[in-house]
Amino acid sequence: MGETEVLRAWLVALRTPGLGPGGLRDWLERANHDIRATLALLRRRAALGDAAAAWLRRPDQGRLAADLDWLAAPGHRLLCCTDEDFPPQLEHIPQPPAALFVRGDAGALLYPQVAVVGARAASASGLVHAGTFARALVRGGFTITSGLADGIDAAAHAAALEAGGRTVAVMGTGPDLVYPGKHHALAGCIAGSGALVSEFPPGTAARPDHFPRRNRLIAGLALATLVVEAGLRSGSLITARLAAEQGREVFAVPGSIHHELARGCHRLIRDGARLVEDGEEMIGILAPAARMLGAELAARLGGPAAALPAAPAGADAGPGAEPPPAASGIDAGARRLLDRLGHDPVGLDELALRTGLSTAVLGAQLLMLELDGWIESLAGNRYRRRPPPASR
């Protein structure tokens, strides 16, 4: 079965009316995660209703062709739950997605992420706080994840880009649409230094019920959720609740007792969220979870190329730790990767050519080296070795 036929089968399944991500996952398991066998099972069962049966019997070939055309464009991908580089953190959330449409670098989803969310009608100080936290977290090696909405979301995305970091936008529309429309330029920049992600097929317009689904993915991708400003009825509180239910950290920025948009954050703090005043505090708390994610990725990708580097003797294990001048405290596999990296910035594609490794395996290796302080990531998916302390 060729690649196009496999993609077509996935698209037919994802567009089946009434199936949903959880339903498709269930059918995939029954079919041993074979998408063609899954479609065969679905076509033999009538439990999904008349609309699903009609679609499976005669899918709209024009719509499928348009989907395939979108996926054929550079930087566009359907990331399926059967792919080795599917984000493992999404496997542990309620109704995990069966597949994600990605515009940009799908590898950005493998890095440790912090969700920064908050009010659309944010105050000027709230926007400043969102940017300050996002820049600090980027400097600590974290990817900023949010929902591309007005206010806090957009401020966090923009600050991550300004700091030369990665950012991920989870959308409540299809991957080819931007909501709100005024964020088209921002979305293009995000795709260039991170990823736009949606579980909705191309052409899907924004609907109110899409955004709670989007919020569960924001919470699920991130190691922690930071709420900067939120009213008592804010959707950001839903994201925070989902994060807490998934066992992730929840942080909230306090505000004035007279400020309406501080009340949601204060409620979160009363309910057990961590009160936080700066990004460095978050980095220290999240460093162990980031390392665990890197280890899980390396184990999932497997093979000798995914061997984990050991922390340098006497070095801080958290992001931003100072490495010693020589790479003598890491294993042979990580040292070889450092040698191929050299001392000048190099892009991920070029590094894949130098090492012969897949970008998925490289992503896990680079993540661990970055967390241990041996390398730093730059804009445009480039990396370089960090200079020894004496040269700074």
Protein backbone atom coordinates (compact mmCIF):
# COMPACT_ATOMS: atom_id res chain seq x y z
CA MET A 1 0.00 0.00 0.00
CA GLY A 2 1.63 3.23 -1.17
CA GLU A 3 2.06 6.37 0.91
CA THR A 4 -0.75 8.20 -0.90
CA GLU A 5 -3.14 5.29 -0.37
CA VAL A 6 -2.26 5.19 3.33
CA LEU A 7 -2.89 8.92 3.64
CA ARG A 8 -6.18 8.56 1.77
CA ALA A 9 -7.28 5.80 4.15
CA TRP A 10 -6.45 7.99 7.15
CA LEU A 11 -8.37 10.92 5.67
CA VAL A 12 -11.43 8.76 5.00
CA ALA A 13 -11.37 7.56 8.61
CA LEU A 14 -10.77 11.02 10.09
CA ARG A 15 -13.66 12.50 8.11
CA THR A 16 -16.12 9.74 9.02
CA PRO A 17 -19.18 11.44 10.61
CA GLY A 18 -19.74 10.61 14.26
CA LEU A 19 -16.52 8.65 14.74
CA GLY A 20 -14.42 11.15 16.72
CA PRO A 21 -10.82 10.71 17.92
CA GLY A 22 -11.66 8.26 20.70
CA GLY A 23 -13.81 6.13 18.43
CA LEU A 24 -11.15 5.92 15.73
CA ARG A 25 -8.53 4.97 18.33
CA ASP A 26 -10.78 2.12 19.52
CA TRP A 27 -11.24 0.80 15.99
CA LEU A 28 -7.52 1.10 15.27
CA GLU A 29 -6.75 -1.08 18.29
CA ARG A 30 -9.20 -3.72 17.09
CA ALA A 31 -7.42 -3.72 13.73
CA ASN A 32 -3.88 -3.90 15.19
CA HIS A 33 -3.29 -0.23 14.25
CA ASP A 34 -3.61 -0.96 10.53
CA ILE A 35 -5.61 1.88 8.98
CA ARG A 36 -6.67 -0.14 5.94
CA ALA A 37 -7.96 -2.95 8.16
CA THR A 38 -9.67 -0.33 10.31
CA LEU A 39 -11.62 0.98 7.32
CA ALA A 40 -12.60 -2.57 6.39
CA LEU A 41 -13.98 -3.13 9.90
CA LEU A 42 -15.85 0.17 9.85
CA ARG A 43 -17.46 -0.62 6.52
CA ARG A 44 -18.73 -3.94 7.86
CA ARG A 45 -20.36 -2.34 10.91
CA ALA A 46 -23.46 -0.16 10.80
CA ALA A 47 -23.32 1.03 14.41
CA LEU A 48 -22.07 4.50 13.47
CA GLY A 49 -25.27 5.47 11.70
CA ASP A 50 -26.45 6.26 8.19
CA ALA A 51 -24.22 9.28 7.59
CA ALA A 52 -21.07 7.34 8.48
CA ALA A 53 -22.15 4.36 6.39
CA ALA A 54 -22.85 6.58 3.38
CA TRP A 55 -19.46 8.32 3.70
CA LEU A 56 -17.54 5.07 4.07
CA ARG A 57 -19.39 3.54 1.11
CA ARG A 58 -18.77 6.54 -1.15
CA PRO A 59 -16.33 9.17 0.20
CA ASP A 60 -16.25 12.60 -1.44
CA GLN A 61 -13.29 12.19 -3.79
CA GLY A 62 -13.02 15.93 -4.41
CA ARG A 63 -12.66 16.64 -0.71
CA LEU A 64 -10.07 13.88 -0.30
CA ALA A 65 -8.12 15.21 -3.28
CA ALA A 66 -8.11 18.69 -1.72
CA ASP A 67 -6.84 17.21 1.57
CA LEU A 68 -4.06 15.39 -0.26
CA ASP A 69 -3.12 18.58 -2.11
CA TRP A 70 -2.79 20.39 1.22
CA LEU A 71 -0.62 17.61 2.64
CA ALA A 72 1.60 17.65 -0.44
CA ALA A 73 2.72 21.23 0.26
CA PRO A 74 6.14 21.71 1.92
CA GLY A 75 5.99 21.69 5.70
CA HIS A 76 2.55 20.06 5.82
CA ARG A 77 2.05 16.69 7.45
CA LEU A 78 -0.53 14.32 8.87
CA LEU A 79 1.07 13.09 12.11
CA CYS A 80 -0.64 9.80 12.98
CA CYS A 81 -0.77 8.05 16.34
CA THR A 82 0.98 5.09 14.71
CA ASP A 83 4.02 7.22 13.77
CA GLU A 84 7.14 6.81 15.90
CA ASP A 85 7.38 10.56 16.50
CA PHE A 86 3.78 11.07 17.59
CA PRO A 87 3.93 13.11 20.84
CA PRO A 88 3.95 10.53 23.66
CA GLN A 89 2.47 13.01 26.14
CA LEU A 90 -0.81 12.91 24.18
CA GLU A 91 -1.17 9.18 24.77
CA HIS A 92 -2.13 9.82 28.40
CA ILE A 93 -5.00 12.28 27.97
CA PRO A 94 -8.74 11.58 27.73
CA GLN A 95 -9.73 10.83 24.14
CA PRO A 96 -6.23 11.17 22.66
CA PRO A 97 -6.24 12.34 19.04
CA ALA A 98 -5.84 9.72 16.35
CA ALA A 99 -3.93 12.14 14.12
CA LEU A 100 -2.85 15.77 13.91
CA PHE A 101 -2.59 18.03 10.89
CA VAL A 102 0.67 19.96 11.21
CA ARG A 103 1.95 23.02 9.36
CA GLY A 104 5.59 23.69 10.19
CA ASP A 105 7.96 21.45 12.13
CA ALA A 106 6.23 18.40 13.61
CA GLY A 107 9.40 17.84 15.66
CA ALA A 108 8.49 20.91 17.73
CA LEU A 109 5.84 18.77 19.42
CA LEU A 110 8.52 16.53 20.89
CA TYR A 111 10.19 19.25 22.94
CA PRO A 112 9.17 20.08 26.52
CA GLN A 113 6.34 22.58 26.30
CA VAL A 114 4.68 25.04 28.64
CA ALA A 115 1.18 26.28 27.81
CA VAL A 116 0.73 30.00 28.35
CA VAL A 117 -2.95 30.95 28.24
CA GLY A 118 -5.24 33.67 29.47
CA ALA A 119 -7.83 36.30 28.69
CA ARG A 120 -8.54 37.50 25.17
CA ALA A 121 -9.30 41.02 26.44
CA ALA A 122 -6.12 41.09 28.50
CA SER A 123 -4.86 44.19 30.27
CA ALA A 124 -1.65 45.92 29.24
CA SER A 125 0.14 44.49 32.28
CA GLY A 126 -1.19 41.02 31.49
CA LEU A 127 0.27 41.18 27.99
CA VAL A 128 3.61 42.28 29.46
CA HIS A 129 3.54 39.39 31.95
CA ALA A 130 2.75 36.88 29.19
CA GLY A 131 5.71 38.09 27.15
CA THR A 132 8.08 38.14 30.13
CA PHE A 133 7.24 34.59 31.16
CA ALA A 134 7.38 33.30 27.57
CA ARG A 135 10.83 34.78 26.97
CA ALA A 136 12.18 33.37 30.24
CA LEU A 137 10.81 29.90 29.47
CA VAL A 138 12.29 29.98 25.97
CA ARG A 139 15.69 30.85 27.44
CA GLY A 140 15.27 27.84 29.72
CA GLY A 141 14.83 25.52 26.74
CA PHE A 142 11.03 25.23 26.72
CA THR A 143 8.64 25.55 23.79
CA ILE A 144 5.66 27.89 24.28
CA THR A 145 2.29 26.39 23.43
CA SER A 146 -0.97 28.32 23.18
CA GLY A 147 -4.15 28.68 21.16
CA LEU A 148 -3.51 31.59 18.73
CA ALA A 149 -6.34 33.59 20.33
CA ASP A 150 -6.32 37.32 20.98
CA GLY A 151 -4.71 38.66 24.13
CA ILE A 152 -2.47 36.43 26.25
CA ASP A 153 -2.17 33.66 23.62
CA ALA A 154 -0.94 35.97 20.89
CA ALA A 155 1.41 37.82 23.28
CA ALA A 156 3.01 34.54 24.39
CA HIS A 157 3.47 33.30 20.81
CA ALA A 158 4.97 36.62 19.70
CA ALA A 159 7.36 36.82 22.67
CA ALA A 160 8.61 33.29 22.05
CA LEU A 161 9.34 34.21 18.43
CA GLU A 162 11.07 37.44 19.44
CA ALA A 163 13.29 35.46 21.81
CA GLY A 164 14.30 33.12 18.96
CA GLY A 165 12.46 30.16 20.46
CA ARG A 166 9.94 27.56 19.35
CA THR A 167 6.22 28.02 19.73
CA VAL A 168 3.25 25.75 18.95
CA ALA A 169 -0.27 27.00 18.19
CA VAL A 170 -3.13 24.54 18.61
CA MET A 171 -6.04 25.61 16.45
CA GLY A 172 -9.81 25.25 16.70
CA THR A 173 -10.10 25.27 12.90
CA GLY A 174 -8.65 23.25 10.09
CA PRO A 175 -4.90 23.74 9.55
CA ASP A 176 -5.50 25.88 6.47
CA LEU A 177 -7.63 28.48 8.27
CA VAL A 178 -6.60 31.05 10.86
CA TYR A 179 -8.94 32.27 13.58
CA PRO A 180 -9.04 35.13 14.30
CA GLY A 181 -8.17 36.18 10.77
CA LYS A 182 -5.98 39.08 11.88
CA HIS A 183 -3.40 36.54 13.09
CA HIS A 184 -2.47 35.33 9.60
CA ALA A 185 0.98 36.93 9.77
CA LEU A 186 1.58 35.58 13.29
CA ALA A 187 0.51 32.10 12.17
CA GLY A 188 3.01 32.22 9.31
CA CYS A 189 5.81 33.13 11.71
CA ILE A 190 4.80 30.33 14.07
CA ALA A 191 4.91 27.80 11.23
CA GLY A 192 8.42 29.00 10.43
CA SER A 193 9.75 28.56 13.98
CA GLY A 194 7.48 25.90 15.40
CA ALA A 195 4.18 24.41 14.34
CA LEU A 196 0.49 25.05 13.76
CA VAL A 197 -1.47 22.00 14.90
CA SER A 198 -5.07 20.90 14.47
CA GLU A 199 -7.00 17.68 14.78
CA PHE A 200 -9.60 19.10 12.38
CA PRO A 201 -9.23 18.44 8.63
CA PRO A 202 -8.55 21.24 6.15
CA GLY A 203 -11.48 23.53 5.49
CA THR A 204 -13.01 23.10 8.97
CA ALA A 205 -14.36 26.46 10.17
CA ALA A 206 -14.28 27.67 13.78
CA ARG A 207 -17.17 26.49 15.97
CA PRO A 208 -17.75 26.98 19.70
CA ASP A 209 -17.50 23.25 20.45
CA HIS A 210 -14.08 23.03 18.76
CA PHE A 211 -12.33 25.13 21.38
CA PRO A 212 -12.76 22.82 24.39
CA ARG A 213 -11.31 20.07 22.18
CA ARG A 214 -8.44 22.38 21.27
CA ASN A 215 -7.89 23.20 24.96
CA ARG A 216 -7.49 19.54 25.89
CA LEU A 217 -4.66 19.29 23.32
CA ILE A 218 -2.97 22.44 24.64
CA ALA A 219 -3.04 21.01 28.16
CA GLY A 220 -2.03 17.56 26.94
CA LEU A 221 1.00 18.67 24.92
CA ALA A 222 2.42 20.77 27.74
CA LEU A 223 4.26 19.72 30.86
CA ALA A 224 2.54 22.61 32.64
CA THR A 225 -0.06 25.30 32.05
CA LEU A 226 0.50 28.92 33.08
CA VAL A 227 -2.59 31.12 33.37
CA VAL A 228 -1.69 34.81 33.23
CA GLU A 229 -5.10 36.53 33.40
CA ALA A 230 -8.54 34.94 33.43
CA GLY A 231 -12.08 35.78 34.43
CA LEU A 232 -14.18 33.32 36.37
CA ARG A 233 -15.84 32.07 33.16
CA SER A 234 -12.68 32.00 31.06
CA GLY A 235 -11.86 29.11 28.75
CA SER A 236 -8.35 29.26 30.22
CA LEU A 237 -9.76 27.79 33.42
CA ILE A 238 -10.95 24.82 31.37
CA THR A 239 -7.44 24.36 30.03
CA ALA A 240 -6.06 24.57 33.57
CA ARG A 241 -8.60 22.06 34.86
CA LEU A 242 -7.78 19.64 32.05
CA ALA A 243 -4.07 20.01 32.82
CA ALA A 244 -4.65 19.26 36.50
CA GLU A 245 -6.81 16.24 35.63
CA GLN A 246 -3.99 14.98 33.41
CA GLY A 247 -1.53 15.24 36.31
CA ARG A 248 0.30 18.26 34.88
CA GLU A 249 1.49 21.29 36.81
CA VAL A 250 -0.74 24.39 36.87
CA PHE A 251 0.71 27.84 37.57
CA ALA A 252 -1.18 31.11 37.98
CA VAL A 253 -0.05 34.72 38.09
CA PRO A 254 -1.75 36.68 40.91
CA GLY A 255 -3.16 40.14 40.43
CA SER A 256 -5.04 42.92 42.15
CA ILE A 257 -8.13 41.94 44.11
CA HIS A 258 -9.89 44.78 42.25
CA HIS A 259 -9.06 43.39 38.80
CA GLU A 260 -11.79 41.27 37.23
CA LEU A 261 -9.27 39.24 35.21
CA ALA A 262 -7.32 38.29 38.34
CA ARG A 263 -10.25 36.40 39.84
CA GLY A 264 -9.81 33.29 37.73
CA CYS A 265 -6.13 33.07 38.67
CA HIS A 266 -6.96 33.56 42.34
CA ARG A 267 -9.51 30.77 42.18
CA LEU A 268 -6.92 28.48 40.61
CA ILE A 269 -4.45 29.31 43.40
CA ARG A 270 -7.10 28.59 46.05
CA ASP A 271 -7.77 25.26 44.29
CA GLY A 272 -4.10 24.23 44.41
CA ALA A 273 -2.36 25.91 41.46
CA ARG A 274 1.14 27.23 42.15
CA LEU A 275 1.39 30.98 42.60
CA VAL A 276 4.28 32.07 40.39
CA GLU A 277 6.05 35.40 39.96
CA ASP A 278 8.81 34.69 37.42
CA GLY A 279 9.74 32.19 34.75
CA GLU A 280 12.97 31.05 36.41
CA GLU A 281 10.94 29.62 39.29
CA MET A 282 8.91 27.57 36.80
CA ILE A 283 12.05 26.32 35.05
CA GLY A 284 13.45 24.94 38.28
CA ILE A 285 10.21 23.13 39.07
CA LEU A 286 9.75 21.70 35.56
CA ALA A 287 13.33 20.60 34.79
CA PRO A 288 12.87 17.02 36.19
CA ALA A 289 9.67 16.52 34.16
CA ALA A 290 11.43 17.80 31.03
CA ARG A 291 14.21 15.27 31.52
CA MET A 292 11.69 12.47 32.01
CA LEU A 293 9.99 13.44 28.73
CA GLY A 294 13.35 13.33 26.94
CA ALA A 295 14.06 9.89 28.38
CA GLU A 296 10.62 8.64 27.32
CA LEU A 297 11.17 9.95 23.80
CA ALA A 298 14.57 8.28 23.53
CA ALA A 299 13.19 4.99 24.81
CA ARG A 300 10.24 5.18 22.42
CA LEU A 301 12.43 5.90 19.40
CA GLY A 302 14.82 3.16 20.47
CA GLY A 303 18.10 2.03 18.94
CA PRO A 304 21.66 2.90 19.89
CA ALA A 305 21.31 6.40 18.46
CA ALA A 306 18.83 7.22 21.22
CA ALA A 307 21.23 6.50 24.09
CA LEU A 308 20.92 9.21 26.73
CA PRO A 309 23.82 11.46 27.70
CA ALA A 310 24.76 11.49 31.35
CA ALA A 311 24.75 14.81 33.17
CA PRO A 312 28.25 16.32 33.44
CA ALA A 313 29.82 15.81 36.84
CA GLY A 314 29.04 18.70 39.14
CA ALA A 315 26.68 20.34 36.65
CA ASP A 316 23.14 21.43 37.33
CA ALA A 317 20.75 19.03 35.57
CA GLY A 318 18.23 21.74 34.73
CA PRO A 319 17.90 23.71 31.48
CA GLY A 320 20.56 26.36 31.08
CA ALA A 321 23.19 24.51 33.13
CA GLU A 322 26.82 25.46 32.44
CA PRO A 323 28.73 22.61 30.74
CA PRO A 324 32.42 21.98 31.31
CA PRO A 325 34.74 22.74 28.35
CA ALA A 326 35.21 19.08 27.38
CA ALA A 327 32.46 16.59 26.53
CA SER A 328 34.02 13.85 28.63
CA GLY A 329 31.01 13.27 30.89
CA ILE A 330 28.63 11.90 28.24
CA ASP A 331 28.38 8.59 26.47
CA ALA A 332 29.93 7.74 23.12
CA GLY A 333 26.71 8.18 21.13
CA ALA A 334 26.07 11.68 22.45
CA ARG A 335 29.73 12.63 21.98
CA ARG A 336 29.55 11.55 18.32
CA LEU A 337 26.51 13.77 17.86
CA LEU A 338 28.36 16.70 19.41
CA ASP A 339 31.29 16.07 17.06
CA ARG A 340 28.97 16.11 14.03
CA LEU A 341 27.37 19.28 15.33
CA GLY A 342 30.68 21.12 15.37
CA HIS A 343 30.94 24.66 16.70
CA ASP A 344 28.94 26.62 14.12
CA PRO A 345 25.10 26.72 14.04
CA VAL A 346 23.65 23.90 11.95
CA GLY A 347 20.10 23.11 10.85
CA LEU A 348 18.26 19.92 11.71
CA ASP A 349 18.15 18.72 8.10
CA GLU A 350 21.88 19.21 7.66
CA LEU A 351 22.54 17.42 10.94
CA ALA A 352 20.42 14.50 9.75
CA LEU A 353 22.59 14.27 6.62
CA ARG A 354 25.78 14.39 8.69
CA THR A 355 24.68 11.68 11.11
CA GLY A 356 22.44 9.48 8.98
CA LEU A 357 19.83 9.58 11.77
CA SER A 358 16.13 10.28 11.39
CA THR A 359 14.90 13.67 12.57
CA ALA A 360 12.81 11.88 15.21
CA VAL A 361 15.86 10.18 16.75
CA LEU A 362 17.85 13.40 16.45
CA GLY A 363 15.08 15.27 18.22
CA ALA A 364 15.32 13.04 21.27
CA GLN A 365 19.12 13.22 21.34
CA LEU A 366 19.21 17.00 20.90
CA LEU A 367 16.57 17.46 23.58
CA MET A 368 18.68 15.62 26.15
CA LEU A 369 21.86 17.47 25.16
CA GLU A 370 20.01 20.79 25.44
CA LEU A 371 18.56 19.95 28.84
CA ASP A 372 22.01 18.91 30.07
CA GLY A 373 23.43 22.23 28.88
CA TRP A 374 25.73 20.95 26.11
CA ILE A 375 23.94 22.70 23.23
CA GLU A 376 21.47 25.52 22.64
CA SER A 377 18.68 25.80 20.08
CA LEU A 378 18.42 28.79 17.78
CA ALA A 379 15.70 30.17 15.53
CA GLY A 380 14.93 28.21 12.38
CA ASN A 381 15.52 24.74 13.90
CA ARG A 382 19.26 25.33 14.20
CA TYR A 383 21.57 24.18 16.97
CA ARG A 384 25.05 24.94 18.22
CA ARG A 385 27.32 23.80 20.99
CA ARG A 386 27.33 26.03 24.02
CA PRO A 387 30.70 27.72 24.65
CA PRO A 388 32.61 26.75 27.77
CA PRO A 389 32.35 29.20 30.69
CA ALA A 390 35.86 30.63 30.18
CA SER A 391 34.96 31.98 26.73
CA ARG A 392 31.82 33.84 27.83
